Amino acid sequence: MELLEWVISNELKRIRLEYELEETVAIPQVDSKSLKLPGFGELTIEKGKAMRVSRGIASRLADSGLVRLGEEPITLKDVAAMRWLEASEEGLIKLPDYFYIKAAKLAQTHKDDKKNMIQNDLQEIIDIRVRKILKLVFLKDPPTGILEKLQPEEKFLYNLLKEALNGWRRGLMYTDG
């Protein structure tokens, strides 16, 4: 079990790292400036001139007020809408890319009631989607296009469960003698 927890933890860390390293648009909000970034060298920014940098760097520059992110952040209403849609649909809906990471970050920016609302909606989305994924695991072949609706974390879970179930089935059919 410890090995399984380690594998799951490391895969979720890998997905978060992939998210942070993915390029995004940042729009400088200050006059021309040259910044030295550890491990990345020198970066020159010009006010209003969009640039592509990794999301991790863009987020830190945005936190310092130097840039505005070009991508729309996920909102409390977005999370609530996704919960409602997921609960009302028989199949999986297509969530925004990296939805879980963005929703968790959104929850961290709020306090008390709003944070609880986001976490409750997110937990309900997770519970509903896990039930739907479990149904998919038992199908010989999933319906066309359904796996594209899975988030990276969910694809990992689907593949892990599918392989575990298939291995368990094979083990039941094996005899020693």
N, C-alpha and C. Protein backbone atom coordinates (compact mmCIF):
# COMPACT_ATOMS: atom_id res chain seq x y z
N MET A 1 0.82 -1.20 0.00
CA MET A 1 0.00 0.00 0.00
C MET A 1 0.86 1.26 0.00
N GLU A 2 1.97 1.22 0.70
CA GLU A 2 2.86 2.39 0.72
C GLU A 2 3.39 2.67 -0.68
N LEU A 3 3.70 1.61 -1.41
CA LEU A 3 4.19 1.79 -2.78
C LEU A 3 3.11 2.43 -3.65
N LEU A 4 1.89 1.98 -3.49
CA LEU A 4 0.77 2.55 -4.26
C LEU A 4 0.59 4.03 -3.92
N GLU A 5 0.62 4.37 -2.65
CA GLU A 5 0.51 5.77 -2.24
C GLU A 5 1.64 6.61 -2.83
N TRP A 6 2.85 6.04 -2.85
CA TRP A 6 4.01 6.74 -3.40
C TRP A 6 3.81 6.98 -4.91
N VAL A 7 3.35 5.95 -5.62
CA VAL A 7 3.13 6.07 -7.06
C VAL A 7 2.07 7.15 -7.34
N ILE A 8 0.97 7.12 -6.60
CA ILE A 8 -0.10 8.10 -6.79
C ILE A 8 0.40 9.51 -6.48
N SER A 9 1.08 9.66 -5.36
CA SER A 9 1.60 10.97 -4.96
C SER A 9 2.56 11.53 -6.01
N ASN A 10 3.44 10.69 -6.51
CA ASN A 10 4.41 11.16 -7.50
C ASN A 10 3.75 11.50 -8.83
N GLU A 11 2.74 10.76 -9.22
CA GLU A 11 2.04 11.08 -10.47
C GLU A 11 1.31 12.41 -10.34
N LEU A 12 0.67 12.66 -9.20
CA LEU A 12 -0.02 13.93 -9.00
C LEU A 12 0.99 15.09 -8.97
N LYS A 13 2.16 14.87 -8.39
CA LYS A 13 3.21 15.90 -8.40
C LYS A 13 3.68 16.16 -9.83
N ARG A 14 3.82 15.09 -10.64
CA ARG A 14 4.25 15.23 -12.03
C ARG A 14 3.23 16.05 -12.82
N ILE A 15 1.95 15.81 -12.58
CA ILE A 15 0.89 16.55 -13.28
C ILE A 15 0.94 18.03 -12.88
N ARG A 16 1.14 18.31 -11.58
CA ARG A 16 1.24 19.71 -11.13
C ARG A 16 2.46 20.39 -11.75
N LEU A 17 3.57 19.66 -11.85
CA LEU A 17 4.77 20.22 -12.47
C LEU A 17 4.53 20.49 -13.95
N GLU A 18 3.87 19.58 -14.63
CA GLU A 18 3.52 19.76 -16.04
C GLU A 18 2.69 21.04 -16.21
N TYR A 19 1.75 21.25 -15.30
CA TYR A 19 0.91 22.45 -15.32
C TYR A 19 1.76 23.71 -15.14
N GLU A 20 2.67 23.69 -14.19
CA GLU A 20 3.52 24.86 -13.91
C GLU A 20 4.48 25.16 -15.06
N LEU A 21 4.91 24.11 -15.78
CA LEU A 21 5.87 24.29 -16.86
C LEU A 21 5.22 24.62 -18.20
N GLU A 22 3.91 24.42 -18.30
CA GLU A 22 3.21 24.71 -19.54
C GLU A 22 3.27 26.21 -19.83
N GLU A 23 3.48 26.56 -21.09
CA GLU A 23 3.55 27.97 -21.45
C GLU A 23 2.18 28.63 -21.42
N THR A 24 2.19 29.89 -21.01
CA THR A 24 0.98 30.70 -21.00
C THR A 24 1.36 32.12 -21.40
N VAL A 25 0.36 32.93 -21.62
CA VAL A 25 0.60 34.32 -22.01
C VAL A 25 0.63 35.20 -20.77
N ALA A 26 1.64 36.08 -20.73
CA ALA A 26 1.75 37.08 -19.66
C ALA A 26 1.86 38.44 -20.35
N ILE A 27 1.14 39.42 -19.82
CA ILE A 27 1.14 40.76 -20.41
C ILE A 27 1.75 41.73 -19.40
N PRO A 28 2.96 42.21 -19.68
CA PRO A 28 3.64 43.13 -18.75
C PRO A 28 2.81 44.37 -18.46
N GLN A 29 2.84 44.80 -17.20
CA GLN A 29 2.08 45.95 -16.74
C GLN A 29 2.99 47.10 -16.33
N VAL A 30 4.29 46.93 -16.55
CA VAL A 30 5.26 47.98 -16.20
C VAL A 30 6.09 48.31 -17.43
N ASP A 31 6.70 49.50 -17.41
CA ASP A 31 7.57 49.88 -18.52
C ASP A 31 8.70 48.89 -18.68
N SER A 32 9.38 48.98 -19.80
CA SER A 32 10.47 48.05 -20.12
C SER A 32 11.37 47.81 -18.92
N LYS A 33 11.66 46.56 -18.74
CA LYS A 33 12.47 46.17 -17.60
C LYS A 33 13.17 44.87 -17.94
N SER A 34 14.36 44.71 -17.43
CA SER A 34 15.10 43.48 -17.63
C SER A 34 15.15 42.74 -16.29
N LEU A 35 14.71 41.51 -16.31
CA LEU A 35 14.67 40.70 -15.09
C LEU A 35 15.62 39.52 -15.21
N LYS A 36 16.32 39.23 -14.12
CA LYS A 36 17.17 38.04 -14.09
C LYS A 36 16.42 36.96 -13.33
N LEU A 37 16.15 35.86 -14.04
CA LEU A 37 15.42 34.76 -13.44
C LEU A 37 16.37 33.58 -13.23
N PRO A 38 16.49 33.09 -12.01
CA PRO A 38 17.38 31.96 -11.75
C PRO A 38 17.03 30.77 -12.63
N GLY A 39 18.03 30.25 -13.32
CA GLY A 39 17.83 29.09 -14.17
C GLY A 39 17.27 29.42 -15.55
N PHE A 40 16.86 30.67 -15.77
CA PHE A 40 16.27 31.04 -17.05
C PHE A 40 17.02 32.19 -17.72
N GLY A 41 17.97 32.77 -17.02
CA GLY A 41 18.72 33.88 -17.59
C GLY A 41 17.96 35.18 -17.48
N GLU A 42 18.19 36.05 -18.47
CA GLU A 42 17.60 37.39 -18.44
C GLU A 42 16.33 37.43 -19.30
N LEU A 43 15.33 38.12 -18.79
CA LEU A 43 14.05 38.25 -19.47
C LEU A 43 13.74 39.74 -19.57
N THR A 44 13.52 40.22 -20.80
CA THR A 44 13.18 41.62 -21.00
C THR A 44 11.68 41.71 -21.24
N ILE A 45 11.04 42.60 -20.48
CA ILE A 45 9.59 42.78 -20.63
C ILE A 45 9.30 44.22 -21.06
N GLU A 46 8.27 44.38 -21.90
CA GLU A 46 7.83 45.69 -22.35
C GLU A 46 6.35 45.81 -22.06
N LYS A 47 5.95 46.92 -21.48
CA LYS A 47 4.56 47.13 -21.10
C LYS A 47 3.61 46.87 -22.28
N GLY A 48 2.62 46.01 -22.02
CA GLY A 48 1.59 45.72 -23.01
C GLY A 48 1.98 44.71 -24.07
N LYS A 49 3.24 44.34 -24.16
CA LYS A 49 3.69 43.39 -25.20
C LYS A 49 3.63 41.97 -24.63
N ALA A 50 2.65 41.22 -25.11
CA ALA A 50 2.43 39.87 -24.60
C ALA A 50 3.66 39.00 -24.84
N MET A 51 3.89 38.10 -23.89
CA MET A 51 5.01 37.17 -24.02
C MET A 51 4.56 35.81 -23.51
N ARG A 52 5.24 34.77 -23.97
CA ARG A 52 4.93 33.41 -23.55
C ARG A 52 6.02 32.94 -22.60
N VAL A 53 5.60 32.56 -21.41
CA VAL A 53 6.51 32.02 -20.41
C VAL A 53 5.79 30.88 -19.69
N SER A 54 6.55 30.12 -18.93
CA SER A 54 5.91 29.03 -18.20
C SER A 54 4.92 29.60 -17.20
N ARG A 55 3.87 28.83 -16.91
CA ARG A 55 2.82 29.28 -16.01
C ARG A 55 3.38 29.60 -14.62
N GLY A 56 4.35 28.82 -14.17
CA GLY A 56 4.94 29.05 -12.85
C GLY A 56 5.61 30.42 -12.77
N ILE A 57 6.37 30.76 -13.80
CA ILE A 57 7.03 32.07 -13.83
C ILE A 57 5.99 33.17 -13.98
N ALA A 58 5.03 32.97 -14.88
CA ALA A 58 3.98 33.98 -15.10
C ALA A 58 3.22 34.26 -13.80
N SER A 59 2.92 33.21 -13.04
CA SER A 59 2.19 33.39 -11.78
C SER A 59 2.99 34.21 -10.79
N ARG A 60 4.27 33.94 -10.70
CA ARG A 60 5.11 34.69 -9.76
C ARG A 60 5.26 36.14 -10.19
N LEU A 61 5.39 36.36 -11.49
CA LEU A 61 5.47 37.74 -11.99
C LEU A 61 4.15 38.48 -11.76
N ALA A 62 3.04 37.76 -11.91
CA ALA A 62 1.72 38.37 -11.67
C ALA A 62 1.55 38.69 -10.19
N ASP A 63 2.01 37.80 -9.32
CA ASP A 63 1.93 38.04 -7.87
C ASP A 63 2.70 39.31 -7.48
N SER A 64 3.78 39.59 -8.20
CA SER A 64 4.58 40.78 -7.89
C SER A 64 4.05 42.03 -8.60
N GLY A 65 3.00 41.87 -9.42
CA GLY A 65 2.40 43.01 -10.09
C GLY A 65 3.08 43.42 -11.39
N LEU A 66 4.05 42.63 -11.83
CA LEU A 66 4.77 42.98 -13.06
C LEU A 66 4.00 42.63 -14.32
N VAL A 67 3.19 41.58 -14.25
CA VAL A 67 2.43 41.16 -15.43
C VAL A 67 0.99 40.84 -15.04
N ARG A 68 0.16 40.74 -16.07
CA ARG A 68 -1.21 40.25 -15.93
C ARG A 68 -1.26 38.97 -16.75
N LEU A 69 -1.89 37.94 -16.19
CA LEU A 69 -1.99 36.68 -16.91
C LEU A 69 -2.97 36.81 -18.05
N GLY A 70 -2.63 36.20 -19.18
CA GLY A 70 -3.48 36.26 -20.36
C GLY A 70 -4.65 35.30 -20.30
N GLU A 71 -4.55 34.27 -19.47
CA GLU A 71 -5.65 33.29 -19.38
C GLU A 71 -6.63 33.70 -18.30
N GLU A 72 -7.88 33.41 -18.56
CA GLU A 72 -8.93 33.74 -17.59
C GLU A 72 -8.84 32.80 -16.39
N PRO A 73 -8.84 33.33 -15.19
CA PRO A 73 -8.82 32.45 -14.02
C PRO A 73 -10.18 31.79 -13.82
N ILE A 74 -10.17 30.65 -13.17
CA ILE A 74 -11.42 29.96 -12.84
C ILE A 74 -12.06 30.70 -11.66
N THR A 75 -13.37 30.77 -11.64
CA THR A 75 -14.08 31.51 -10.59
C THR A 75 -14.94 30.58 -9.74
N LEU A 76 -15.44 31.13 -8.66
CA LEU A 76 -16.37 30.42 -7.78
C LEU A 76 -17.59 29.96 -8.58
N LYS A 77 -18.10 30.83 -9.45
CA LYS A 77 -19.25 30.50 -10.29
C LYS A 77 -18.92 29.36 -11.26
N ASP A 78 -17.70 29.37 -11.79
CA ASP A 78 -17.29 28.30 -12.70
C ASP A 78 -17.32 26.94 -12.01
N VAL A 79 -16.80 26.89 -10.80
CA VAL A 79 -16.76 25.63 -10.05
C VAL A 79 -18.19 25.16 -9.75
N ALA A 80 -19.05 26.08 -9.33
CA ALA A 80 -20.44 25.73 -9.04
C ALA A 80 -21.15 25.25 -10.31
N ALA A 81 -20.87 25.90 -11.44
CA ALA A 81 -21.49 25.51 -12.71
C ALA A 81 -21.02 24.12 -13.13
N MET A 82 -19.75 23.84 -12.94
CA MET A 82 -19.21 22.52 -13.29
C MET A 82 -19.84 21.44 -12.41
N ARG A 83 -20.04 21.76 -11.13
CA ARG A 83 -20.70 20.80 -10.23
C ARG A 83 -22.10 20.51 -10.70
N TRP A 84 -22.84 21.55 -11.02
CA TRP A 84 -24.22 21.38 -11.47
C TRP A 84 -24.28 20.58 -12.77
N LEU A 85 -23.43 20.93 -13.74
CA LEU A 85 -23.41 20.23 -15.02
C LEU A 85 -23.04 18.76 -14.84
N GLU A 86 -22.02 18.50 -14.04
CA GLU A 86 -21.56 17.12 -13.83
C GLU A 86 -22.65 16.29 -13.17
N ALA A 87 -23.37 16.89 -12.22
CA ALA A 87 -24.43 16.17 -11.52
C ALA A 87 -25.63 15.91 -12.43
N SER A 88 -25.86 16.81 -13.39
CA SER A 88 -27.06 16.70 -14.22
C SER A 88 -26.85 15.84 -15.48
N GLU A 89 -25.62 15.56 -15.83
CA GLU A 89 -25.33 14.79 -17.04
C GLU A 89 -25.07 13.33 -16.70
N GLU A 90 -25.53 12.45 -17.57
CA GLU A 90 -25.27 11.01 -17.40
C GLU A 90 -23.79 10.69 -17.60
N GLY A 91 -23.22 11.25 -18.66
CA GLY A 91 -21.81 11.01 -18.96
C GLY A 91 -20.93 12.10 -18.38
N LEU A 92 -19.65 11.97 -18.64
CA LEU A 92 -18.68 12.97 -18.19
C LEU A 92 -18.79 14.23 -19.03
N ILE A 93 -18.68 15.38 -18.39
CA ILE A 93 -18.61 16.64 -19.13
C ILE A 93 -17.14 16.98 -19.33
N LYS A 94 -16.84 17.87 -20.25
CA LYS A 94 -15.47 18.32 -20.48
C LYS A 94 -15.20 19.47 -19.53
N LEU A 95 -14.31 19.25 -18.59
CA LEU A 95 -13.90 20.30 -17.65
C LEU A 95 -12.79 21.14 -18.28
N PRO A 96 -12.61 22.38 -17.82
CA PRO A 96 -11.48 23.18 -18.30
C PRO A 96 -10.16 22.45 -18.00
N ASP A 97 -9.17 22.65 -18.86
CA ASP A 97 -7.86 22.02 -18.65
C ASP A 97 -7.33 22.33 -17.26
N TYR A 98 -6.77 21.30 -16.64
CA TYR A 98 -6.18 21.40 -15.30
C TYR A 98 -7.18 21.95 -14.28
N PHE A 99 -8.42 21.55 -14.41
CA PHE A 99 -9.49 22.04 -13.57
C PHE A 99 -9.21 21.85 -12.07
N TYR A 100 -8.76 20.67 -11.68
CA TYR A 100 -8.56 20.40 -10.26
C TYR A 100 -7.48 21.30 -9.65
N ILE A 101 -6.41 21.50 -10.39
CA ILE A 101 -5.32 22.36 -9.90
C ILE A 101 -5.83 23.80 -9.77
N LYS A 102 -6.52 24.26 -10.79
CA LYS A 102 -7.03 25.64 -10.77
C LYS A 102 -8.07 25.85 -9.67
N ALA A 103 -8.96 24.87 -9.48
CA ALA A 103 -9.99 24.99 -8.44
C ALA A 103 -9.35 24.95 -7.05
N ALA A 104 -8.35 24.10 -6.86
CA ALA A 104 -7.68 24.04 -5.57
C ALA A 104 -6.96 25.35 -5.28
N LYS A 105 -6.32 25.93 -6.30
CA LYS A 105 -5.65 27.23 -6.12
C LYS A 105 -6.67 28.33 -5.81
N LEU A 106 -7.83 28.27 -6.46
CA LEU A 106 -8.89 29.23 -6.18
C LEU A 106 -9.32 29.13 -4.72
N ALA A 107 -9.51 27.92 -4.24
CA ALA A 107 -9.92 27.72 -2.84
C ALA A 107 -8.89 28.32 -1.88
N GLN A 108 -7.61 28.20 -2.23
CA GLN A 108 -6.55 28.73 -1.37
C GLN A 108 -6.57 30.24 -1.29
N THR A 109 -7.14 30.89 -2.31
CA THR A 109 -7.16 32.36 -2.31
C THR A 109 -8.32 32.93 -1.49
N HIS A 110 -9.27 32.08 -1.11
CA HIS A 110 -10.43 32.53 -0.35
C HIS A 110 -10.34 32.09 1.11
N LYS A 111 -11.20 32.66 1.89
CA LYS A 111 -11.25 32.32 3.31
C LYS A 111 -12.67 31.89 3.67
N ASP A 112 -12.77 31.14 4.74
CA ASP A 112 -14.03 30.76 5.39
C ASP A 112 -15.10 30.21 4.46
N ASP A 113 -16.26 30.90 4.37
CA ASP A 113 -17.42 30.37 3.67
C ASP A 113 -17.16 30.10 2.19
N LYS A 114 -16.53 31.04 1.50
CA LYS A 114 -16.26 30.85 0.07
C LYS A 114 -15.30 29.69 -0.15
N LYS A 115 -14.29 29.59 0.71
CA LYS A 115 -13.35 28.48 0.60
C LYS A 115 -14.08 27.15 0.80
N ASN A 116 -14.96 27.10 1.80
CA ASN A 116 -15.73 25.89 2.06
C ASN A 116 -16.66 25.55 0.90
N MET A 117 -17.28 26.58 0.29
CA MET A 117 -18.16 26.36 -0.86
C MET A 117 -17.38 25.73 -2.02
N ILE A 118 -16.22 26.29 -2.30
CA ILE A 118 -15.39 25.77 -3.40
C ILE A 118 -14.97 24.34 -3.10
N GLN A 119 -14.50 24.10 -1.87
CA GLN A 119 -14.06 22.75 -1.51
C GLN A 119 -15.21 21.75 -1.55
N ASN A 120 -16.39 22.14 -1.11
CA ASN A 120 -17.55 21.25 -1.15
C ASN A 120 -17.96 20.94 -2.60
N ASP A 121 -18.00 21.98 -3.43
CA ASP A 121 -18.33 21.77 -4.85
C ASP A 121 -17.29 20.87 -5.52
N LEU A 122 -16.04 21.13 -5.23
CA LEU A 122 -14.95 20.35 -5.81
C LEU A 122 -15.03 18.89 -5.35
N GLN A 123 -15.31 18.67 -4.08
CA GLN A 123 -15.44 17.30 -3.57
C GLN A 123 -16.60 16.58 -4.23
N GLU A 124 -17.70 17.29 -4.45
CA GLU A 124 -18.86 16.67 -5.11
C GLU A 124 -18.52 16.32 -6.57
N ILE A 125 -17.81 17.21 -7.24
CA ILE A 125 -17.38 16.93 -8.63
C ILE A 125 -16.51 15.69 -8.64
N ILE A 126 -15.55 15.62 -7.74
CA ILE A 126 -14.65 14.47 -7.67
C ILE A 126 -15.45 13.19 -7.43
N ASP A 127 -16.36 13.20 -6.47
CA ASP A 127 -17.15 12.01 -6.15
C ASP A 127 -17.98 11.54 -7.34
N ILE A 128 -18.64 12.47 -8.01
CA ILE A 128 -19.47 12.13 -9.17
C ILE A 128 -18.61 11.55 -10.28
N ARG A 129 -17.49 12.21 -10.56
CA ARG A 129 -16.63 11.77 -11.67
C ARG A 129 -15.97 10.43 -11.36
N VAL A 130 -15.60 10.19 -10.12
CA VAL A 130 -15.01 8.89 -9.77
C VAL A 130 -16.02 7.78 -10.00
N ARG A 131 -17.28 8.01 -9.63
CA ARG A 131 -18.32 7.00 -9.90
C ARG A 131 -18.44 6.73 -11.40
N LYS A 132 -18.39 7.78 -12.21
CA LYS A 132 -18.49 7.62 -13.66
C LYS A 132 -17.26 6.90 -14.22
N ILE A 133 -16.10 7.21 -13.67
CA ILE A 133 -14.86 6.55 -14.11
C ILE A 133 -14.89 5.07 -13.74
N LEU A 134 -15.40 4.75 -12.56
CA LEU A 134 -15.51 3.34 -12.16
C LEU A 134 -16.38 2.56 -13.14
N LYS A 135 -17.45 3.17 -13.61
CA LYS A 135 -18.29 2.50 -14.61
C LYS A 135 -17.50 2.25 -15.90
N LEU A 136 -16.68 3.23 -16.29
CA LEU A 136 -15.87 3.08 -17.51
C LEU A 136 -14.86 1.95 -17.38
N VAL A 137 -14.31 1.77 -16.19
CA VAL A 137 -13.29 0.74 -15.96
C VAL A 137 -13.83 -0.64 -16.31
N PHE A 138 -15.11 -0.87 -16.09
CA PHE A 138 -15.70 -2.18 -16.32
C PHE A 138 -16.08 -2.43 -17.78
N LEU A 139 -16.02 -1.40 -18.61
CA LEU A 139 -16.31 -1.57 -20.03
C LEU A 139 -15.08 -2.13 -20.74
N LYS A 140 -15.32 -3.04 -21.70
CA LYS A 140 -14.20 -3.58 -22.46
C LYS A 140 -13.49 -2.46 -23.22
N ASP A 141 -14.27 -1.65 -23.91
CA ASP A 141 -13.75 -0.48 -24.63
C ASP A 141 -14.60 0.72 -24.27
N PRO A 142 -13.98 1.81 -23.83
CA PRO A 142 -14.77 3.00 -23.48
C PRO A 142 -15.37 3.61 -24.75
N PRO A 143 -16.50 4.31 -24.62
CA PRO A 143 -17.10 4.98 -25.78
C PRO A 143 -16.12 5.96 -26.43
N THR A 144 -16.22 6.10 -27.73
CA THR A 144 -15.34 6.99 -28.48
C THR A 144 -15.37 8.40 -27.90
N GLY A 145 -14.20 8.96 -27.68
CA GLY A 145 -14.08 10.34 -27.23
C GLY A 145 -14.23 10.57 -25.73
N ILE A 146 -14.61 9.55 -24.99
CA ILE A 146 -14.86 9.76 -23.55
C ILE A 146 -13.56 10.01 -22.79
N LEU A 147 -12.48 9.35 -23.18
CA LEU A 147 -11.22 9.53 -22.45
C LEU A 147 -10.65 10.93 -22.62
N GLU A 148 -11.03 11.62 -23.71
CA GLU A 148 -10.58 13.00 -23.91
C GLU A 148 -11.25 13.96 -22.92
N LYS A 149 -12.32 13.51 -22.29
CA LYS A 149 -13.03 14.35 -21.31
C LYS A 149 -12.43 14.21 -19.92
N LEU A 150 -11.45 13.32 -19.78
CA LEU A 150 -10.83 13.12 -18.47
C LEU A 150 -9.70 14.13 -18.25
N GLN A 151 -9.59 14.58 -17.02
CA GLN A 151 -8.46 15.41 -16.61
C GLN A 151 -7.23 14.51 -16.48
N PRO A 152 -6.01 15.06 -16.51
CA PRO A 152 -4.81 14.21 -16.40
C PRO A 152 -4.84 13.31 -15.15
N GLU A 153 -5.30 13.85 -14.04
CA GLU A 153 -5.38 13.06 -12.80
C GLU A 153 -6.36 11.90 -12.95
N GLU A 154 -7.43 12.14 -13.70
CA GLU A 154 -8.45 11.12 -13.91
C GLU A 154 -7.98 10.04 -14.89
N LYS A 155 -7.22 10.45 -15.91
CA LYS A 155 -6.66 9.46 -16.85
C LYS A 155 -5.75 8.51 -16.10
N PHE A 156 -4.94 9.06 -15.21
CA PHE A 156 -4.07 8.23 -14.40
C PHE A 156 -4.89 7.25 -13.56
N LEU A 157 -5.93 7.73 -12.90
CA LEU A 157 -6.79 6.87 -12.08
C LEU A 157 -7.45 5.80 -12.93
N TYR A 158 -8.00 6.18 -14.07
CA TYR A 158 -8.66 5.23 -14.97
C TYR A 158 -7.69 4.11 -15.36
N ASN A 159 -6.49 4.48 -15.83
CA ASN A 159 -5.51 3.48 -16.27
C ASN A 159 -5.06 2.60 -15.11
N LEU A 160 -4.87 3.19 -13.94
CA LEU A 160 -4.45 2.42 -12.76
C LEU A 160 -5.53 1.40 -12.39
N LEU A 161 -6.77 1.82 -12.33
CA LEU A 161 -7.87 0.92 -11.97
C LEU A 161 -8.07 -0.15 -13.04
N LYS A 162 -8.00 0.24 -14.30
CA LYS A 162 -8.18 -0.71 -15.40
C LYS A 162 -7.11 -1.81 -15.35
N GLU A 163 -5.86 -1.40 -15.16
CA GLU A 163 -4.76 -2.37 -15.09
C GLU A 163 -4.87 -3.26 -13.85
N ALA A 164 -5.23 -2.66 -12.72
CA ALA A 164 -5.38 -3.44 -11.49
C ALA A 164 -6.49 -4.48 -11.64
N LEU A 165 -7.61 -4.08 -12.21
CA LEU A 165 -8.73 -4.99 -12.40
C LEU A 165 -8.36 -6.11 -13.37
N ASN A 166 -7.70 -5.77 -14.47
CA ASN A 166 -7.29 -6.79 -15.44
C ASN A 166 -6.27 -7.75 -14.84
N GLY A 167 -5.33 -7.23 -14.06
CA GLY A 167 -4.35 -8.08 -13.38
C GLY A 167 -5.02 -9.00 -12.37
N TRP A 168 -5.96 -8.49 -11.65
CA TRP A 168 -6.70 -9.28 -10.66
C TRP A 168 -7.46 -10.40 -11.36
N ARG A 169 -8.12 -10.07 -12.47
CA ARG A 169 -8.86 -11.09 -13.24
C ARG A 169 -7.92 -12.19 -13.74
N ARG A 170 -6.77 -11.79 -14.30
CA ARG A 170 -5.80 -12.77 -14.79
C ARG A 170 -5.32 -13.66 -13.65
N GLY A 171 -5.09 -13.06 -12.49
CA GLY A 171 -4.64 -13.83 -11.32
C GLY A 171 -5.65 -14.86 -10.86
N LEU A 172 -6.91 -14.55 -10.99
CA LEU A 172 -7.95 -15.50 -10.60
C LEU A 172 -7.99 -16.73 -11.52
N MET A 173 -7.60 -16.52 -12.75
CA MET A 173 -7.65 -17.62 -13.74
C MET A 173 -6.40 -18.48 -13.72
N TYR A 174 -5.36 -18.05 -13.03
CA TYR A 174 -4.12 -18.80 -12.97
C TYR A 174 -4.21 -19.88 -11.90
N THR A 175 -3.77 -21.07 -12.23
CA THR A 175 -3.74 -22.14 -11.24
C THR A 175 -2.35 -22.77 -11.22
N ASP A 176 -1.97 -23.32 -10.10
CA ASP A 176 -0.64 -23.92 -9.92
C ASP A 176 -0.62 -25.40 -10.23
N GLY A 177 -1.44 -25.89 -10.93
CA GLY A 177 -1.25 -27.28 -11.00
C GLY A 177 -1.95 -28.12 -11.86
